[in-house]
Amino acid sequence: MLTTFHSKKGPQLLLGLGMGIVFGFLLQKGGLTNYDVIIGQLLLDDFTVVKVMLTAVLTGMPGVYLLKTLGLGQLHPKPGSFGASVIGGLIFGVGFGTLGYCPGTLAGAVGQGYLSALVGGVVGILIGAGLFAAMYSRLEGVILRKGDFGPLTLPQLFKVHDWAAVIPAGIVLVALLVWMEKAGL
């Protein structure tokens, strides 16, 4: 069933568009397209972003591994490295801290009509992506491949069965969310 769907690009694109619209709607309803919420997170005053992200991981991780266990999906993690993570984190952090949007919340804010997101955010992403593309060949051998750890997942990292990593991680995330609520964060 999913193999047939996977071979049809048109329905995949429509499903992706639909999921993107739902994602943007949920970001907006959760308040994550609001500049003050994002900056509040960066200032450690408002933990809405962390709560939403932890909830997304708590929902997505078991779902993905359930699909994998049932043979309905496969994981294709991209290889990573500490060097690429540092460079990506710096680029992301500068944009996030400067404008108060990540790529997902930026798209939601553009959809809401925020001019700062459209002009500053979209232009910033295009400039940042262009600069990174222009410098990629120089950065690749020097920084981006440093500390290469390959296409690694948590179960592979800990050398355990998938669910032996997913279930404890889920318990930790639930406990963290409960603690955050009780602490008033």
Protein backbone atom coordinates (compact mmCIF):
# COMPACT_ATOMS: atom_id res chain seq x y z
CA MET A 1 0.00 0.00 0.00
CA LEU A 2 2.61 2.58 1.05
CA THR A 3 5.02 1.39 -1.65
CA THR A 4 2.43 2.30 -4.29
CA PHE A 5 1.86 5.68 -2.64
CA HIS A 6 5.61 6.27 -2.43
CA SER A 7 5.95 5.86 -6.20
CA LYS A 8 3.33 8.54 -6.93
CA LYS A 9 4.88 11.99 -6.59
CA GLY A 10 1.70 14.04 -7.11
CA PRO A 11 -0.20 12.62 -4.13
CA GLN A 12 2.97 12.85 -2.04
CA LEU A 13 3.27 16.55 -2.82
CA LEU A 14 -0.40 17.14 -2.00
CA LEU A 15 -0.05 15.23 1.28
CA GLY A 16 3.07 17.27 2.10
CA LEU A 17 1.26 20.52 1.32
CA GLY A 18 -1.70 19.48 3.46
CA MET A 19 0.53 18.44 6.36
CA GLY A 20 2.43 21.73 6.06
CA ILE A 21 -0.80 23.69 6.30
CA VAL A 22 -1.87 21.67 9.36
CA PHE A 23 1.61 22.18 10.88
CA GLY A 24 1.43 25.95 10.33
CA PHE A 25 -2.10 26.08 11.75
CA LEU A 26 -1.01 24.20 14.87
CA LEU A 27 2.07 26.42 15.29
CA GLN A 28 -0.16 29.46 15.11
CA LYS A 29 -2.72 28.02 17.54
CA GLY A 30 0.10 27.13 19.94
CA GLY A 31 1.36 30.72 19.83
CA LEU A 32 4.67 29.80 18.24
CA THR A 33 4.36 32.34 15.43
CA ASN A 34 4.27 35.13 18.03
CA TYR A 35 7.56 37.03 18.31
CA ASP A 36 7.12 37.58 22.05
CA VAL A 37 6.72 33.84 22.70
CA ILE A 38 9.90 33.03 20.75
CA ILE A 39 11.95 35.77 22.41
CA GLY A 40 10.50 34.74 25.79
CA GLN A 41 11.91 31.27 25.17
CA LEU A 42 15.33 32.64 24.31
CA LEU A 43 15.24 34.72 27.51
CA LEU A 44 14.07 31.64 29.49
CA ASP A 45 10.84 33.44 30.47
CA ASP A 46 8.31 31.49 28.37
CA PHE A 47 8.70 27.74 27.82
CA THR A 48 5.87 27.33 25.30
CA VAL A 49 8.33 26.45 22.53
CA VAL A 50 10.05 23.74 24.57
CA LYS A 51 6.71 22.26 25.62
CA VAL A 52 5.44 22.13 22.04
CA MET A 53 8.69 20.62 20.75
CA LEU A 54 8.84 18.01 23.51
CA THR A 55 5.21 17.11 22.82
CA ALA A 56 6.01 16.77 19.10
CA VAL A 57 8.94 14.45 19.85
CA LEU A 58 6.80 12.50 22.33
CA THR A 59 4.18 12.02 19.61
CA GLY A 60 6.43 11.55 16.60
CA MET A 61 9.10 9.23 18.00
CA PRO A 62 6.77 6.35 18.97
CA GLY A 63 4.76 6.89 15.79
CA VAL A 64 7.80 6.62 13.54
CA TYR A 65 9.13 3.56 15.35
CA LEU A 66 5.68 1.93 15.30
CA LEU A 67 5.56 2.35 11.52
CA LYS A 68 9.07 0.89 11.32
CA THR A 69 8.16 -2.05 13.58
CA LEU A 70 5.04 -2.82 11.53
CA GLY A 71 7.07 -2.71 8.31
CA LEU A 72 5.14 0.31 7.04
CA GLY A 73 8.07 2.70 7.11
CA GLN A 74 11.83 2.88 7.05
CA LEU A 75 14.25 5.29 8.65
CA HIS A 76 16.74 7.07 6.44
CA PRO A 77 18.71 9.31 8.83
CA LYS A 78 21.17 11.68 7.24
CA PRO A 79 24.81 11.42 8.30
CA GLY A 80 25.91 14.02 10.80
CA SER A 81 28.99 15.45 12.41
CA PHE A 82 29.83 17.72 15.29
CA GLY A 83 31.35 20.26 12.89
CA ALA A 84 28.20 20.48 10.78
CA SER A 85 26.05 20.67 13.93
CA VAL A 86 28.11 23.58 15.28
CA ILE A 87 28.00 25.52 11.99
CA GLY A 88 24.29 24.79 11.54
CA GLY A 89 23.57 25.75 15.13
CA LEU A 90 25.42 29.04 14.76
CA ILE A 91 23.63 29.96 11.54
CA PHE A 92 20.27 28.92 12.98
CA GLY A 93 20.96 30.68 16.28
CA VAL A 94 21.91 33.99 14.70
CA GLY A 95 18.73 34.06 12.64
CA PHE A 96 16.57 32.80 15.49
CA GLY A 97 17.97 35.28 18.00
CA THR A 98 17.97 38.21 15.60
CA LEU A 99 14.48 37.89 14.18
CA GLY A 100 12.75 35.55 16.62
CA TYR A 101 11.70 32.92 14.09
CA CYS A 102 12.89 29.46 13.13
CA PRO A 103 12.04 28.20 9.62
CA GLY A 104 8.77 26.59 10.73
CA THR A 105 7.51 29.51 12.78
CA LEU A 106 8.68 31.86 10.04
CA ALA A 107 6.44 30.14 7.50
CA GLY A 108 3.53 30.35 9.95
CA ALA A 109 4.20 34.03 10.63
CA VAL A 110 4.36 34.77 6.88
CA GLY A 111 1.02 32.97 6.55
CA GLN A 112 -0.38 35.25 9.26
CA GLY A 113 0.84 38.27 7.35
CA TYR A 114 3.70 39.43 9.58
CA LEU A 115 5.82 41.76 7.46
CA SER A 116 8.90 41.20 9.64
CA ALA A 117 8.72 37.49 8.85
CA LEU A 118 8.25 38.04 5.13
CA VAL A 119 10.91 40.70 4.63
CA GLY A 120 13.43 39.93 7.35
CA GLY A 121 12.88 36.20 7.65
CA VAL A 122 12.47 35.04 4.08
CA VAL A 123 15.19 37.40 2.85
CA GLY A 124 17.43 36.29 5.73
CA ILE A 125 16.92 32.61 4.91
CA LEU A 126 17.71 33.22 1.25
CA ILE A 127 20.86 35.22 2.08
CA GLY A 128 21.97 32.66 4.68
CA ALA A 129 21.37 29.73 2.35
CA GLY A 130 23.19 31.53 -0.47
CA LEU A 131 26.21 32.32 1.71
CA PHE A 132 26.34 28.76 3.01
CA ALA A 133 26.10 27.35 -0.54
CA ALA A 134 28.86 29.70 -1.70
CA MET A 135 31.15 28.68 1.17
CA TYR A 136 30.20 24.99 1.27
CA SER A 137 33.16 23.66 -0.69
CA ARG A 138 35.58 25.51 1.61
CA LEU A 139 33.79 24.46 4.80
CA GLU A 140 33.22 20.83 3.85
CA GLY A 141 36.72 19.48 4.35
CA VAL A 142 37.77 21.91 7.07
CA ILE A 143 34.81 21.96 9.45
CA LEU A 144 31.68 20.17 8.26
CA ARG A 145 33.12 16.63 8.37
CA LYS A 146 34.88 17.03 11.74
CA GLY A 147 33.59 14.55 14.30
CA ASP A 148 31.61 12.56 11.72
CA PHE A 149 29.18 10.16 13.42
CA GLY A 150 27.29 8.96 10.35
CA PRO A 151 23.56 8.25 10.08
CA LEU A 152 23.01 7.54 13.76
CA THR A 153 19.77 7.01 15.70
CA LEU A 154 19.36 6.76 19.49
CA PRO A 155 18.90 2.96 19.44
CA GLN A 156 22.04 2.63 17.32
CA LEU A 157 23.97 4.97 19.60
CA PHE A 158 23.10 2.92 22.69
CA LYS A 159 23.24 -0.39 20.78
CA VAL A 160 19.78 -1.45 21.95
CA HIS A 161 16.50 -2.56 20.38
CA ASP A 162 14.46 0.38 19.06
CA TRP A 163 11.83 0.22 21.80
CA ALA A 164 14.48 -0.07 24.53
CA ALA A 165 15.42 3.50 23.60
CA VAL A 166 11.99 4.86 22.64
CA ILE A 167 10.12 3.86 25.81
CA PRO A 168 12.65 5.28 28.32
CA ALA A 169 13.01 8.44 26.21
CA GLY A 170 9.22 8.81 26.22
CA ILE A 171 9.08 8.36 30.00
CA VAL A 172 11.79 11.00 30.47
CA LEU A 173 9.95 13.43 28.17
CA VAL A 174 6.62 12.92 29.99
CA ALA A 175 8.35 13.43 33.35
CA LEU A 176 10.02 16.59 32.05
CA LEU A 177 6.72 17.99 30.76
CA VAL A 178 4.96 17.20 34.06
CA TRP A 179 7.79 18.84 36.01
CA MET A 180 7.66 21.94 33.79
CA GLU A 181 3.91 22.27 34.36
CA LYS A 182 4.21 21.83 38.11
CA ALA A 183 7.09 24.33 38.22
CA GLY A 184 4.97 26.85 36.31
CA LEU A 185 7.38 27.06 33.40
